[in-house]
């Protein structure tokens, strides 16, 4: 995972820098080497891993893994799906997804 750690307002966050360096990032399902191009594709892959849709917030697309406290929260509009969301998915699904430069 590349990027710069930023400390702001008492919180440390990873700033992957993907939007600022001009390179586009994509989320890849590693077992099939498939680039995720829509939320429908992502939902199919996540459901096979035990993730279920969670309808707690009408402004977000969310997935919850039963018997855990894990929650994936994404913007409703896929065009706003950024690298920070991709890295969140990768962290919660190691060896299944990765983020690559396009």
PDB file of N, CA and C in Angstrom:
ATOM      1  N   UNK A   1       0.848  -1.156   0.000  1.00  0.00           N
ATOM      2  CA  UNK A   1       0.000   0.000   0.000  1.00  0.00           C
ATOM      3  C   UNK A   1       0.899   1.227   0.000  1.00  0.00           C
ATOM      4  N   UNK A   2       0.730   2.062  -1.008  1.00  0.00           N
ATOM      5  CA  UNK A   2       1.565   3.252  -1.086  1.00  0.00           C
ATOM      6  C   UNK A   2       0.753   4.482  -0.719  1.00  0.00           C
ATOM      7  N   UNK A   3       1.445   5.515  -0.375  1.00  0.00           N
ATOM      8  CA  UNK A   3       0.788   6.760  -0.028  1.00  0.00           C
ATOM      9  C   UNK A   3       1.554   7.482   1.051  1.00  0.00           C
ATOM     10  N   UNK A   4       0.931   8.509   1.570  1.00  0.00           N
ATOM     11  CA  UNK A   4       1.542   9.338   2.595  1.00  0.00           C
ATOM     12  C   UNK A   4       0.611   9.358   3.798  1.00  0.00           C
ATOM     13  N   UNK A   5       1.195   9.122   4.977  1.00  0.00           N
ATOM     14  CA  UNK A   5       0.404   9.221   6.194  1.00  0.00           C
ATOM     15  C   UNK A   5       0.296  10.692   6.572  1.00  0.00           C
ATOM     16  N   UNK A   6      -0.938  11.145   6.828  1.00  0.00           N
ATOM     17  CA  UNK A   6      -1.191  12.547   7.141  1.00  0.00           C
ATOM     18  C   UNK A   6      -1.767  12.637   8.542  1.00  0.00           C
ATOM     19  N   UNK A   7      -1.200  13.533   9.360  1.00  0.00           N
ATOM     20  CA  UNK A   7      -1.699  13.769  10.707  1.00  0.00           C
ATOM     21  C   UNK A   7      -2.443  15.097  10.693  1.00  0.00           C
ATOM     22  N   UNK A   8      -3.751  15.057  10.970  1.00  0.00           N
ATOM     23  CA  UNK A   8      -4.563  16.277  10.948  1.00  0.00           C
ATOM     24  C   UNK A   8      -5.636  16.177  12.024  1.00  0.00           C
ATOM     25  N   UNK A   9      -5.754  17.207  12.822  1.00  0.00           N
ATOM     26  CA  UNK A   9      -6.770  17.280  13.879  1.00  0.00           C
ATOM     27  C   UNK A   9      -6.722  16.067  14.815  1.00  0.00           C
ATOM     28  N   UNK A  10      -5.513  15.612  15.133  1.00  0.00           N
ATOM     29  CA  UNK A  10      -5.359  14.511  16.069  1.00  0.00           C
ATOM     30  C   UNK A  10      -5.619  13.133  15.484  1.00  0.00           C
ATOM     31  N   UNK A  11      -5.790  13.030  14.169  1.00  0.00           N
ATOM     32  CA  UNK A  11      -6.084  11.758  13.525  1.00  0.00           C
ATOM     33  C   UNK A  11      -5.033  11.493  12.448  1.00  0.00           C
ATOM     34  N   UNK A  12      -4.546  10.263  12.408  1.00  0.00           N
ATOM     35  CA  UNK A  12      -3.594   9.862  11.376  1.00  0.00           C
ATOM     36  C   UNK A  12      -4.351   9.067  10.319  1.00  0.00           C
ATOM     37  N   UNK A  13      -4.191   9.479   9.053  1.00  0.00           N
ATOM     38  CA  UNK A  13      -4.865   8.798   7.948  1.00  0.00           C
ATOM     39  C   UNK A  13      -3.884   8.579   6.815  1.00  0.00           C
ATOM     40  N   UNK A  14      -4.156   7.537   6.050  1.00  0.00           N
ATOM     41  CA  UNK A  14      -3.365   7.284   4.860  1.00  0.00           C
ATOM     42  C   UNK A  14      -3.968   8.063   3.708  1.00  0.00           C
ATOM     43  N   UNK A  15      -3.156   8.888   3.099  1.00  0.00           N
ATOM     44  CA  UNK A  15      -3.564   9.617   1.902  1.00  0.00           C
ATOM     45  C   UNK A  15      -2.885   8.921   0.728  1.00  0.00           C
ATOM     46  N   UNK A  16      -3.601   8.017   0.033  1.00  0.00           N
ATOM     47  CA  UNK A  16      -2.962   7.247  -1.032  1.00  0.00           C
ATOM     48  C   UNK A  16      -2.403   8.102  -2.163  1.00  0.00           C
ATOM     49  N   UNK A  17      -2.878   9.315  -2.326  1.00  0.00           N
ATOM     50  CA  UNK A  17      -2.323  10.198  -3.333  1.00  0.00           C
ATOM     51  C   UNK A  17      -2.692   9.835  -4.749  1.00  0.00           C
ATOM     52  N   UNK A  18      -3.673   8.989  -4.938  1.00  0.00           N
ATOM     53  CA  UNK A  18      -3.992   8.531  -6.282  1.00  0.00           C
ATOM     54  C   UNK A  18      -4.606   9.619  -7.141  1.00  0.00           C
ATOM     55  N   UNK A  19      -5.461  10.419  -6.567  1.00  0.00           N
ATOM     56  CA  UNK A  19      -6.091  11.446  -7.370  1.00  0.00           C
ATOM     57  C   UNK A  19      -5.129  12.592  -7.660  1.00  0.00           C
ATOM     58  N   UNK A  20      -4.185  12.835  -6.767  1.00  0.00           N
ATOM     59  CA  UNK A  20      -3.280  13.966  -6.943  1.00  0.00           C
ATOM     60  C   UNK A  20      -2.125  13.656  -7.884  1.00  0.00           C
ATOM     61  N   UNK A  21      -1.728  12.380  -8.009  1.00  0.00           N
ATOM     62  CA  UNK A  21      -0.596  12.090  -8.881  1.00  0.00           C
ATOM     63  C   UNK A  21      -1.024  11.742 -10.305  1.00  0.00           C
ATOM     64  N   UNK A  22      -2.323  11.804 -10.593  1.00  0.00           N
ATOM     65  CA  UNK A  22      -2.809  11.607 -11.947  1.00  0.00           C
ATOM     66  C   UNK A  22      -3.016  10.157 -12.350  1.00  0.00           C
ATOM     67  N   UNK A  23      -2.544   9.211 -11.553  1.00  0.00           N
ATOM     68  CA  UNK A  23      -2.746   7.806 -11.896  1.00  0.00           C
ATOM     69  C   UNK A  23      -4.066   7.328 -11.333  1.00  0.00           C
ATOM     70  N   UNK A  24      -4.818   6.638 -12.137  1.00  0.00           N
ATOM     71  CA  UNK A  24      -6.100   6.109 -11.712  1.00  0.00           C
ATOM     72  C   UNK A  24      -5.885   4.740 -11.078  1.00  0.00           C
ATOM     73  N   UNK A  25      -6.584   4.489 -10.003  1.00  0.00           N
ATOM     74  CA  UNK A  25      -6.502   3.210  -9.309  1.00  0.00           C
ATOM     75  C   UNK A  25      -7.748   2.394  -9.627  1.00  0.00           C
ATOM     76  N   UNK A  26      -7.596   1.083  -9.640  1.00  0.00           N
ATOM     77  CA  UNK A  26      -8.727   0.185  -9.830  1.00  0.00           C
ATOM     78  C   UNK A  26      -8.684  -0.893  -8.766  1.00  0.00           C
ATOM     79  N   UNK A  27      -9.855  -1.391  -8.411  1.00  0.00           N
ATOM     80  CA  UNK A  27      -9.977  -2.502  -7.473  1.00  0.00           C
ATOM     81  C   UNK A  27     -10.041  -3.787  -8.285  1.00  0.00           C
ATOM     82  N   UNK A  28      -9.198  -4.749  -7.925  1.00  0.00           N
ATOM     83  CA  UNK A  28      -9.115  -6.004  -8.672  1.00  0.00           C
ATOM     84  C   UNK A  28      -9.444  -7.168  -7.744  1.00  0.00           C
ATOM     85  N   UNK A  29     -10.324  -8.043  -8.209  1.00  0.00           N
ATOM     86  CA  UNK A  29     -10.624  -9.288  -7.513  1.00  0.00           C
ATOM     87  C   UNK A  29      -9.524 -10.266  -7.919  1.00  0.00           C
ATOM     88  N   UNK A  30      -8.595 -10.544  -7.020  1.00  0.00           N
ATOM     89  CA  UNK A  30      -7.377 -11.281  -7.381  1.00  0.00           C
ATOM     90  C   UNK A  30      -7.603 -12.736  -7.810  1.00  0.00           C
ATOM     91  N   UNK A  31      -8.550 -13.489  -7.232  1.00  0.00           N
ATOM     92  CA  UNK A  31      -8.710 -14.871  -7.705  1.00  0.00           C
ATOM     93  C   UNK A  31      -9.087 -14.965  -9.186  1.00  0.00           C
ATOM     94  N   UNK A  32      -9.833 -13.972  -9.701  1.00  0.00           N
ATOM     95  CA  UNK A  32     -10.255 -13.995 -11.106  1.00  0.00           C
ATOM     96  C   UNK A  32      -9.526 -12.964 -11.945  1.00  0.00           C
ATOM     97  N   UNK A  33      -8.734 -12.114 -11.305  1.00  0.00           N
ATOM     98  CA  UNK A  33      -8.034 -11.014 -11.979  1.00  0.00           C
ATOM     99  C   UNK A  33      -9.014 -10.059 -12.667  1.00  0.00           C
ATOM    100  N   UNK A  34     -10.201  -9.937 -12.105  1.00  0.00           N
ATOM    101  CA  UNK A  34     -11.266  -9.108 -12.666  1.00  0.00           C
ATOM    102  C   UNK A  34     -11.261  -7.718 -12.030  1.00  0.00           C
ATOM    103  N   UNK A  35     -11.290  -6.692 -12.889  1.00  0.00           N
ATOM    104  CA  UNK A  35     -11.398  -5.319 -12.402  1.00  0.00           C
ATOM    105  C   UNK A  35     -12.853  -5.057 -12.048  1.00  0.00           C
ATOM    106  N   UNK A  36     -13.084  -4.508 -10.863  1.00  0.00           N
ATOM    107  CA  UNK A  36     -14.445  -4.191 -10.420  1.00  0.00           C
ATOM    108  C   UNK A  36     -14.857  -2.883 -11.087  1.00  0.00           C
ATOM    109  N   UNK A  37     -15.888  -2.942 -11.932  1.00  0.00           N
ATOM    110  CA  UNK A  37     -16.321  -1.769 -12.697  1.00  0.00           C
ATOM    111  C   UNK A  37     -17.686  -1.245 -12.286  1.00  0.00           C
ATOM    112  N   UNK A  38     -18.330  -1.918 -11.319  1.00  0.00           N
ATOM    113  CA  UNK A  38     -19.641  -1.455 -10.857  1.00  0.00           C
ATOM    114  C   UNK A  38     -19.897  -2.014  -9.461  1.00  0.00           C
ATOM    115  N   UNK A  39     -20.878  -1.417  -8.791  1.00  0.00           N
ATOM    116  CA  UNK A  39     -21.251  -1.933  -7.483  1.00  0.00           C
ATOM    117  C   UNK A  39     -21.909  -3.301  -7.599  1.00  0.00           C
ATOM    118  N   UNK A  40     -22.573  -3.579  -8.709  1.00  0.00           N
ATOM    119  CA  UNK A  40     -23.176  -4.905  -8.897  1.00  0.00           C
ATOM    120  C   UNK A  40     -22.081  -5.975  -8.916  1.00  0.00           C
ATOM    121  N   UNK A  41     -20.974  -5.696  -9.631  1.00  0.00           N
ATOM    122  CA  UNK A  41     -19.843  -6.626  -9.643  1.00  0.00           C
ATOM    123  C   UNK A  41     -19.279  -6.806  -8.237  1.00  0.00           C
ATOM    124  N   UNK A  42     -19.091  -5.690  -7.546  1.00  0.00           N
ATOM    125  CA  UNK A  42     -18.530  -5.738  -6.197  1.00  0.00           C
ATOM    126  C   UNK A  42     -19.447  -6.507  -5.253  1.00  0.00           C
ATOM    127  N   UNK A  43     -20.737  -6.265  -5.332  1.00  0.00           N
ATOM    128  CA  UNK A  43     -21.677  -6.947  -4.438  1.00  0.00           C
ATOM    129  C   UNK A  43     -21.665  -8.457  -4.666  1.00  0.00           C
ATOM    130  N   UNK A  44     -21.553  -8.891  -5.911  1.00  0.00           N
ATOM    131  CA  UNK A  44     -21.480 -10.330  -6.201  1.00  0.00           C
ATOM    132  C   UNK A  44     -20.240 -10.950  -5.552  1.00  0.00           C
ATOM    133  N   UNK A  45     -19.112 -10.269  -5.665  1.00  0.00           N
ATOM    134  CA  UNK A  45     -17.869 -10.799  -5.094  1.00  0.00           C
ATOM    135  C   UNK A  45     -17.927 -10.804  -3.568  1.00  0.00           C
ATOM    136  N   UNK A  46     -18.450  -9.724  -2.989  1.00  0.00           N
ATOM    137  CA  UNK A  46     -18.526  -9.643  -1.532  1.00  0.00           C
ATOM    138  C   UNK A  46     -19.513 -10.659  -0.958  1.00  0.00           C
ATOM    139  N   UNK A  47     -20.630 -10.875  -1.641  1.00  0.00           N
ATOM    140  CA  UNK A  47     -21.619 -11.824  -1.116  1.00  0.00           C
ATOM    141  C   UNK A  47     -21.053 -13.240  -1.067  1.00  0.00           C
ATOM    142  N   UNK A  48     -20.182 -13.579  -2.008  1.00  0.00           N
ATOM    143  CA  UNK A  48     -19.525 -14.897  -1.983  1.00  0.00           C
ATOM    144  C   UNK A  48     -18.585 -15.039  -0.786  1.00  0.00           C
ATOM    145  N   UNK A  49     -18.167 -13.907  -0.235  1.00  0.00           N
ATOM    146  CA  UNK A  49     -17.271 -13.910   0.922  1.00  0.00           C
ATOM    147  C   UNK A  49     -18.025 -13.770   2.246  1.00  0.00           C
ATOM    148  N   UNK A  50     -19.355 -13.766   2.187  1.00  0.00           N
ATOM    149  CA  UNK A  50     -20.157 -13.679   3.407  1.00  0.00           C
ATOM    150  C   UNK A  50     -20.628 -12.288   3.766  1.00  0.00           C
ATOM    151  N   UNK A  51     -20.383 -11.302   2.914  1.00  0.00           N
ATOM    152  CA  UNK A  51     -20.847  -9.937   3.175  1.00  0.00           C
ATOM    153  C   UNK A  51     -22.299  -9.806   2.726  1.00  0.00           C
ATOM    154  N   UNK A  52     -23.084  -9.075   3.504  1.00  0.00           N
ATOM    155  CA  UNK A  52     -24.494  -8.838   3.190  1.00  0.00           C
ATOM    156  C   UNK A  52     -24.748  -7.346   3.123  1.00  0.00           C
ATOM    157  N   UNK A  53     -25.726  -6.967   2.304  1.00  0.00           N
ATOM    158  CA  UNK A  53     -26.097  -5.551   2.253  1.00  0.00           C
ATOM    159  C   UNK A  53     -26.654  -5.128   3.606  1.00  0.00           C
ATOM    160  N   UNK A  54     -26.290  -3.936   4.004  1.00  0.00           N
ATOM    161  CA  UNK A  54     -26.756  -3.356   5.261  1.00  0.00           C
ATOM    162  C   UNK A  54     -27.449  -2.052   4.897  1.00  0.00           C
ATOM    163  N   UNK A  55     -28.656  -1.866   5.384  1.00  0.00           N
ATOM    164  CA  UNK A  55     -29.454  -0.706   4.999  1.00  0.00           C
ATOM    165  C   UNK A  55     -29.595   0.301   6.124  1.00  0.00           C
ATOM    166  N   UNK A  56     -28.523   0.548   6.865  1.00  0.00           N
ATOM    167  CA  UNK A  56     -28.556   1.447   8.006  1.00  0.00           C
ATOM    168  C   UNK A  56     -28.530   2.926   7.651  1.00  0.00           C
ATOM    169  N   UNK A  57     -27.963   3.293   6.503  1.00  0.00           N
ATOM    170  CA  UNK A  57     -27.831   4.697   6.112  1.00  0.00           C
ATOM    171  C   UNK A  57     -28.268   4.844   4.656  1.00  0.00           C
ATOM    172  N   UNK A  58     -29.323   5.607   4.400  1.00  0.00           N
ATOM    173  CA  UNK A  58     -29.821   5.728   3.023  1.00  0.00           C
ATOM    174  C   UNK A  58     -28.867   6.454   2.073  1.00  0.00           C
ATOM    175  N   UNK A  59     -27.885   7.161   2.603  1.00  0.00           N
ATOM    176  CA  UNK A  59     -26.946   7.902   1.762  1.00  0.00           C
ATOM    177  C   UNK A  59     -25.710   7.092   1.382  1.00  0.00           C
ATOM    178  N   UNK A  60     -25.596   5.873   1.914  1.00  0.00           N
ATOM    179  CA  UNK A  60     -24.414   5.050   1.667  1.00  0.00           C
ATOM    180  C   UNK A  60     -24.817   3.665   1.191  1.00  0.00           C
ATOM    181  N   UNK A  61     -23.914   3.044   0.474  1.00  0.00           N
ATOM    182  CA  UNK A  61     -24.030   1.629   0.153  1.00  0.00           C
ATOM    183  C   UNK A  61     -23.158   0.917   1.174  1.00  0.00           C
ATOM    184  N   UNK A  62     -23.758   0.046   1.974  1.00  0.00           N
ATOM    185  CA  UNK A  62     -23.005  -0.579   3.058  1.00  0.00           C
ATOM    186  C   UNK A  62     -23.132  -2.094   3.012  1.00  0.00           C
ATOM    187  N   UNK A  63     -22.056  -2.742   3.466  1.00  0.00           N
ATOM    188  CA  UNK A  63     -22.011  -4.193   3.558  1.00  0.00           C
ATOM    189  C   UNK A  63     -21.535  -4.573   4.950  1.00  0.00           C
ATOM    190  N   UNK A  64     -22.163  -5.601   5.497  1.00  0.00           N
ATOM    191  CA  UNK A  64     -21.839  -6.072   6.847  1.00  0.00           C
ATOM    192  C   UNK A  64     -21.554  -7.561   6.774  1.00  0.00           C
ATOM    193  N   UNK A  65     -20.574  -7.987   7.534  1.00  0.00           N
ATOM    194  CA  UNK A  65     -20.261  -9.413   7.622  1.00  0.00           C
ATOM    195  C   UNK A  65     -20.830  -9.919   8.930  1.00  0.00           C
ATOM    196  N   UNK A  66     -21.796 -10.825   8.823  1.00  0.00           N
ATOM    197  CA  UNK A  66     -22.481 -11.344  10.003  1.00  0.00           C
ATOM    198  C   UNK A  66     -21.484 -11.981  10.957  1.00  0.00           C
ATOM    199  N   UNK A  67     -21.752 -11.868  12.196  1.00  0.00           N
ATOM    200  CA  UNK A  67     -20.935 -12.377  13.315  1.00  0.00           C
ATOM    201  C   UNK A  67     -19.628 -11.611  13.471  1.00  0.00           C
ATOM    202  N   UNK A  68     -19.517 -10.434  12.841  1.00  0.00           N
ATOM    203  CA  UNK A  68     -18.361  -9.564  13.038  1.00  0.00           C
ATOM    204  C   UNK A  68     -18.857  -8.132  13.237  1.00  0.00           C
ATOM    205  N   UNK A  69     -17.944  -7.261  13.570  1.00  0.00           N
ATOM    206  CA  UNK A  69     -18.281  -5.841  13.682  1.00  0.00           C
ATOM    207  C   UNK A  69     -17.881  -5.075  12.420  1.00  0.00           C
ATOM    208  N   UNK A  70     -17.419  -5.781  11.403  1.00  0.00           N
ATOM    209  CA  UNK A  70     -16.925  -5.146  10.189  1.00  0.00           C
ATOM    210  C   UNK A  70     -18.057  -4.561   9.348  1.00  0.00           C
ATOM    211  N   UNK A  71     -17.801  -3.378   8.819  1.00  0.00           N
ATOM    212  CA  UNK A  71     -18.765  -2.691   7.975  1.00  0.00           C
ATOM    213  C   UNK A  71     -18.003  -1.978   6.868  1.00  0.00           C
ATOM    214  N   UNK A  72     -18.443  -2.167   5.641  1.00  0.00           N
ATOM    215  CA  UNK A  72     -17.880  -1.447   4.499  1.00  0.00           C
ATOM    216  C   UNK A  72     -18.895  -0.387   4.111  1.00  0.00           C
ATOM    217  N   UNK A  73     -18.480   0.870   4.090  1.00  0.00           N
ATOM    218  CA  UNK A  73     -19.358   1.981   3.728  1.00  0.00           C
ATOM    219  C   UNK A  73     -18.817   2.658   2.475  1.00  0.00           C
ATOM    220  N   UNK A  74     -19.662   2.776   1.466  1.00  0.00           N
ATOM    221  CA  UNK A  74     -19.272   3.337   0.178  1.00  0.00           C
ATOM    222  C   UNK A  74     -20.261   4.414  -0.248  1.00  0.00           C
ATOM    223  N   UNK A  75     -19.814   5.377  -1.065  1.00  0.00           N
ATOM    224  CA  UNK A  75     -20.758   6.367  -1.575  1.00  0.00           C
ATOM    225  C   UNK A  75     -21.770   5.683  -2.505  1.00  0.00           C
ATOM    226  N   UNK A  76     -23.022   6.134  -2.511  1.00  0.00           N
ATOM    227  CA  UNK A  76     -24.069   5.535  -3.349  1.00  0.00           C
ATOM    228  C   UNK A  76     -23.705   5.557  -4.827  1.00  0.00           C
ATOM    229  N   UNK A  77     -23.046   6.624  -5.257  1.00  0.00           N
ATOM    230  CA  UNK A  77     -22.702   6.821  -6.667  1.00  0.00           C
ATOM    231  C   UNK A  77     -21.329   6.191  -6.948  1.00  0.00           C
ATOM    232  N   UNK A  78     -21.272   5.215  -7.860  1.00  0.00           N
ATOM    233  CA  UNK A  78     -20.016   4.519  -8.152  1.00  0.00           C
ATOM    234  C   UNK A  78     -18.946   5.470  -8.694  1.00  0.00           C
ATOM    235  N   UNK A  79     -19.343   6.562  -9.313  1.00  0.00           N
ATOM    236  CA  UNK A  79     -18.352   7.513  -9.834  1.00  0.00           C
ATOM    237  C   UNK A  79     -17.587   8.206  -8.701  1.00  0.00           C
ATOM    238  N   UNK A  80     -18.098   8.141  -7.481  1.00  0.00           N
ATOM    239  CA  UNK A  80     -17.421   8.720  -6.322  1.00  0.00           C
ATOM    240  C   UNK A  80     -16.635   7.667  -5.535  1.00  0.00           C
ATOM    241  N   UNK A  81     -16.541   6.463  -6.065  1.00  0.00           N
ATOM    242  CA  UNK A  81     -15.797   5.349  -5.469  1.00  0.00           C
ATOM    243  C   UNK A  81     -14.312   5.612  -5.690  1.00  0.00           C
ATOM    244  N   UNK A  82     -13.616   5.999  -4.647  1.00  0.00           N
ATOM    245  CA  UNK A  82     -12.217   6.429  -4.728  1.00  0.00           C
ATOM    246  C   UNK A  82     -11.282   5.383  -4.125  1.00  0.00           C
ATOM    247  N   UNK A  83      -9.995   5.655  -4.255  1.00  0.00           N
ATOM    248  CA  UNK A  83      -8.997   4.705  -3.773  1.00  0.00           C
ATOM    249  C   UNK A  83      -9.095   4.458  -2.272  1.00  0.00           C
ATOM    250  N   UNK A  84      -9.487   5.458  -1.498  1.00  0.00           N
ATOM    251  CA  UNK A  84      -9.599   5.239  -0.048  1.00  0.00           C
ATOM    252  C   UNK A  84     -10.660   4.181   0.254  1.00  0.00           C
ATOM    253  N   UNK A  85     -11.735   4.127  -0.548  1.00  0.00           N
ATOM    254  CA  UNK A  85     -12.756   3.094  -0.375  1.00  0.00           C
ATOM    255  C   UNK A  85     -12.198   1.736  -0.787  1.00  0.00           C
ATOM    256  N   UNK A  86     -11.434   1.733  -1.874  1.00  0.00           N
ATOM    257  CA  UNK A  86     -10.827   0.485  -2.350  1.00  0.00           C
ATOM    258  C   UNK A  86      -9.889  -0.112  -1.306  1.00  0.00           C
ATOM    259  N   UNK A  87      -9.048   0.737  -0.713  1.00  0.00           N
ATOM    260  CA  UNK A  87      -8.111   0.249   0.301  1.00  0.00           C
ATOM    261  C   UNK A  87      -8.859  -0.290   1.519  1.00  0.00           C
ATOM    262  N   UNK A  88     -10.010   0.313   1.859  1.00  0.00           N
ATOM    263  CA  UNK A  88     -10.821  -0.198   2.962  1.00  0.00           C
ATOM    264  C   UNK A  88     -11.321  -1.604   2.693  1.00  0.00           C
ATOM    265  N   UNK A  89     -11.706  -1.862   1.454  1.00  0.00           N
ATOM    266  CA  UNK A  89     -12.160  -3.203   1.062  1.00  0.00           C
ATOM    267  C   UNK A  89     -11.006  -4.189   1.121  1.00  0.00           C
ATOM    268  N   UNK A  90      -9.840  -3.768   0.642  1.00  0.00           N
ATOM    269  CA  UNK A  90      -8.657  -4.639   0.649  1.00  0.00           C
ATOM    270  C   UNK A  90      -8.277  -5.024   2.076  1.00  0.00           C
ATOM    271  N   UNK A  91      -8.281  -4.064   2.985  1.00  0.00           N
ATOM    272  CA  UNK A  91      -7.889  -4.336   4.375  1.00  0.00           C
ATOM    273  C   UNK A  91      -8.815  -5.372   5.014  1.00  0.00           C
ATOM    274  N   UNK A  92     -10.102  -5.320   4.676  1.00  0.00           N
ATOM    275  CA  UNK A  92     -11.062  -6.239   5.288  1.00  0.00           C
ATOM    276  C   UNK A  92     -11.195  -7.560   4.538  1.00  0.00           C
ATOM    277  N   UNK A  93     -10.543  -7.664   3.383  1.00  0.00           N
ATOM    278  CA  UNK A  93     -10.613  -8.886   2.568  1.00  0.00           C
ATOM    279  C   UNK A  93      -9.242  -9.207   1.986  1.00  0.00           C
ATOM    280  N   UNK A  94      -8.294  -9.429   2.853  1.00  0.00           N
ATOM    281  CA  UNK A  94      -6.920  -9.691   2.415  1.00  0.00           C
ATOM    282  C   UNK A  94      -6.861 -10.921   1.495  1.00  0.00           C
ATOM    283  N   UNK A  95      -5.972 -10.871   0.540  1.00  0.00           N
ATOM    284  CA  UNK A  95      -5.745 -11.942  -0.430  1.00  0.00           C
ATOM    285  C   UNK A  95      -6.913 -12.169  -1.386  1.00  0.00           C
ATOM    286  N   UNK A  96      -7.912 -11.289  -1.366  1.00  0.00           N
ATOM    287  CA  UNK A  96      -9.043 -11.431  -2.278  1.00  0.00           C
ATOM    288  C   UNK A  96      -9.140 -10.228  -3.208  1.00  0.00           C
ATOM    289  N   UNK A  97      -8.788  -9.063  -2.712  1.00  0.00           N
ATOM    290  CA  UNK A  97      -8.813  -7.847  -3.523  1.00  0.00           C
ATOM    291  C   UNK A  97      -7.470  -7.142  -3.414  1.00  0.00           C
ATOM    292  N   UNK A  98      -7.142  -6.384  -4.431  1.00  0.00           N
ATOM    293  CA  UNK A  98      -5.979  -5.497  -4.367  1.00  0.00           C
ATOM    294  C   UNK A  98      -6.262  -4.258  -5.214  1.00  0.00           C
ATOM    295  N   UNK A  99      -5.534  -3.204  -4.917  1.00  0.00           N
ATOM    296  CA  UNK A  99      -5.650  -1.951  -5.655  1.00  0.00           C
ATOM    297  C   UNK A  99      -4.455  -1.861  -6.575  1.00  0.00           C
ATOM    298  N   UNK A 100      -4.728  -1.573  -7.844  1.00  0.00           N
ATOM    299  CA  UNK A 100      -3.658  -1.456  -8.837  1.00  0.00           C
ATOM    300  C   UNK A 100      -3.755  -0.130  -9.567  1.00  0.00           C
ATOM    301  N   UNK A 101      -2.599   0.307 -10.077  1.00  0.00           N
ATOM    302  CA  UNK A 101      -2.581   1.481 -10.959  1.00  0.00           C
ATOM    303  C   UNK A 101      -3.143   1.061 -12.305  1.00  0.00           C
ATOM    304  N   UNK A 102      -3.924   1.937 -12.870  1.00  0.00           N
ATOM    305  CA  UNK A 102      -4.479   1.668 -14.199  1.00  0.00           C
ATOM    306  C   UNK A 102      -3.542   2.167 -15.253  1.00  0.00           C
TER     307      UNK A 102
END
